C-alpha atoms as a PDB file:
ATOM      1  CA  MET A   1     -17.338 -12.283   8.616  1.00  0.00           C
ATOM      2  CA  LYS A   2     -18.542 -10.969   5.296  1.00  0.00           C
ATOM      3  CA  LEU A   3     -16.562  -8.281   3.417  1.00  0.00           C
ATOM      4  CA  PRO A   4     -17.662  -5.376   1.492  1.00  0.00           C
ATOM      5  CA  LYS A   5     -18.542  -5.768  -2.399  1.00  0.00           C
ATOM      6  CA  ASN A   6     -15.766  -3.066  -3.212  1.00  0.00           C
ATOM      7  CA  PHE A   7     -13.266  -4.797  -1.150  1.00  0.00           C
ATOM      8  CA  ASN A   8      -9.878  -4.791  -2.771  1.00  0.00           C
ATOM      9  CA  LEU A   9      -7.438  -7.236  -1.382  1.00  0.00           C
ATOM     10  CA  LYS A  10      -4.475  -5.832  -3.498  1.00  0.00           C
ATOM     11  CA  VAL A  11      -4.555  -2.358  -2.105  1.00  0.00           C
ATOM     12  CA  VAL A  12      -4.734  -3.945   1.352  1.00  0.00           C
ATOM     13  CA  ILE A  13      -1.796  -6.113   0.945  1.00  0.00           C
ATOM     14  CA  PHE A  14       0.295  -3.126  -0.754  1.00  0.00           C
ATOM     15  CA  SER A  15      -0.921  -0.916   2.434  1.00  0.00           C
ATOM     16  CA  LEU A  16       0.313  -3.319   4.771  1.00  0.00           C
ATOM     17  CA  ILE A  17       3.729  -3.628   3.076  1.00  0.00           C
ATOM     18  CA  ALA A  18       4.209  -0.037   3.027  1.00  0.00           C
ATOM     19  CA  LEU A  19       3.638   0.210   6.710  1.00  0.00           C
ATOM     20  CA  GLY A  20       6.129  -2.415   7.292  1.00  0.00           C
ATOM     21  CA  PHE A  21       8.608  -0.154   5.114  1.00  0.00           C
ATOM     22  CA  ILE A  22       7.703   3.000   7.340  1.00  0.00           C
ATOM     23  CA  ALA A  23       8.340   0.540  10.481  1.00  0.00           C
ATOM     24  CA  LEU A  24      11.674  -0.348   8.934  1.00  0.00           C
ATOM     25  CA  THR A  25      12.623   3.201   8.248  1.00  0.00           C
ATOM     26  CA  PHE A  26      12.342   4.139  11.963  1.00  0.00           C
ATOM     27  CA  LEU A  27      13.952   1.085  13.084  1.00  0.00           C
ATOM     28  CA  VAL A  28      16.737   0.319  10.698  1.00  0.00           C
ATOM     29  CA  ASN A  29      17.440   2.517   7.854  1.00  0.00           C
ATOM     30  CA  PRO A  30      15.957   6.035   6.616  1.00  0.00           C
ATOM     31  CA  TYR A  31      16.373   4.693   2.784  1.00  0.00           C
ATOM     32  CA  PHE A  32      13.442   2.294   3.399  1.00  0.00           C
ATOM     33  CA  ILE A  33      11.085   4.939   3.159  1.00  0.00           C
ATOM     34  CA  ILE A  34      11.590   4.792  -0.806  1.00  0.00           C
ATOM     35  CA  GLY A  35       9.681   1.441  -0.709  1.00  0.00           C
ATOM     36  CA  ALA A  36       6.972   2.937   1.426  1.00  0.00           C
ATOM     37  CA  VAL A  37       6.681   5.412  -1.210  1.00  0.00           C
ATOM     38  CA  VAL A  38       6.912   3.149  -4.202  1.00  0.00           C
ATOM     39  CA  PHE A  39       4.036   1.290  -2.796  1.00  0.00           C
ATOM     40  CA  MET A  40       2.112   4.247  -2.057  1.00  0.00           C
ATOM     41  CA  LEU A  41       2.234   5.073  -5.752  1.00  0.00           C
ATOM     42  CA  LEU A  42       1.323   1.665  -6.831  1.00  0.00           C
ATOM     43  CA  ASN A  43      -1.760   1.792  -4.464  1.00  0.00           C
ATOM     44  CA  GLN A  44      -3.006   5.203  -6.105  1.00  0.00           C
ATOM     45  CA  ARG A  45      -2.439   3.719  -9.356  1.00  0.00           C
ATOM     46  CA  GLU A  46      -4.555   0.512  -8.155  1.00  0.00           C
ATOM     47  CA  LEU A  47      -7.304   2.965  -6.904  1.00  0.00           C
ATOM     48  CA  LYS A  48      -7.585   5.101  -9.626  1.00  0.00           C
ATOM     49  CA  GLY A  49      -7.933   2.291 -12.490  1.00  0.00           C
ATOM     50  CA  LYS A  50     -10.975   0.808 -10.489  1.00  0.00           C
ATOM     51  CA  LYS A  51     -12.689   4.114 -10.751  1.00  0.00           C
ATOM     52  CA  LYS A  52     -12.322   4.270 -14.489  1.00  0.00           C
ATOM     53  CA  SER A  53     -14.089   1.006 -15.066  1.00  0.00           C
END
Protein backbone atom coordinates (compact mmCIF):
# COMPACT_ATOMS: atom_id res chain seq x y z
CA MET A 1 0.00 0.00 0.00
CA LYS A 2 1.48 3.31 -1.10
CA LEU A 3 0.68 6.44 0.90
CA PRO A 4 -0.03 9.78 -0.79
CA LYS A 5 2.73 12.34 -0.99
CA ASN A 6 1.00 14.81 1.34
CA PHE A 7 0.12 12.21 4.03
CA ASN A 8 0.42 13.66 7.55
CA LEU A 9 0.61 10.95 10.22
CA LYS A 10 0.36 13.47 13.06
CA VAL A 11 -3.03 14.70 11.84
CA VAL A 12 -4.32 11.13 11.50
CA ILE A 13 -3.24 10.24 15.03
CA PHE A 14 -4.78 13.42 16.47
CA SER A 15 -8.04 12.67 14.63
CA LEU A 16 -8.21 9.12 15.98
CA ILE A 17 -7.58 10.34 19.52
CA ALA A 18 -10.31 12.98 19.11
CA LEU A 19 -12.73 10.30 17.90
CA GLY A 20 -11.89 8.29 21.01
CA PHE A 21 -12.69 11.29 23.18
CA ILE A 22 -16.02 11.73 21.39
CA ALA A 23 -16.87 8.07 22.05
CA LEU A 24 -15.95 8.54 25.72
CA THR A 25 -18.20 11.61 25.80
CA PHE A 26 -21.23 9.52 24.92
CA LEU A 27 -20.27 6.43 26.92
CA VAL A 28 -18.73 7.77 30.14
CA ASN A 29 -18.88 11.47 30.88
CA PRO A 30 -19.80 14.60 28.88
CA TYR A 31 -16.64 16.38 30.04
CA PHE A 32 -14.51 14.28 27.66
CA ILE A 33 -15.67 16.62 24.88
CA ILE A 34 -13.01 19.07 26.11
CA GLY A 35 -10.28 16.64 25.00
CA ALA A 36 -11.89 16.32 21.57
CA VAL A 37 -11.96 20.11 21.18
CA VAL A 38 -8.30 20.37 22.17
CA PHE A 39 -7.27 17.81 19.57
CA MET A 40 -9.45 19.51 16.96
CA LEU A 41 -7.60 22.77 17.59
CA LEU A 42 -4.23 20.99 17.40
CA ASN A 43 -5.26 19.49 14.06
CA GLN A 44 -6.24 22.88 12.69
CA ARG A 45 -2.94 24.38 13.81
CA GLU A 46 -0.99 21.52 12.20
CA LEU A 47 -2.88 21.78 8.90
CA LYS A 48 -2.58 25.57 8.69
CA GLY A 49 1.12 25.37 9.46
CA LYS A 50 1.65 22.95 6.56
CA LYS A 51 -0.02 25.30 4.06
CA LYS A 52 2.28 28.20 4.93
CA SER A 53 5.50 26.34 4.08
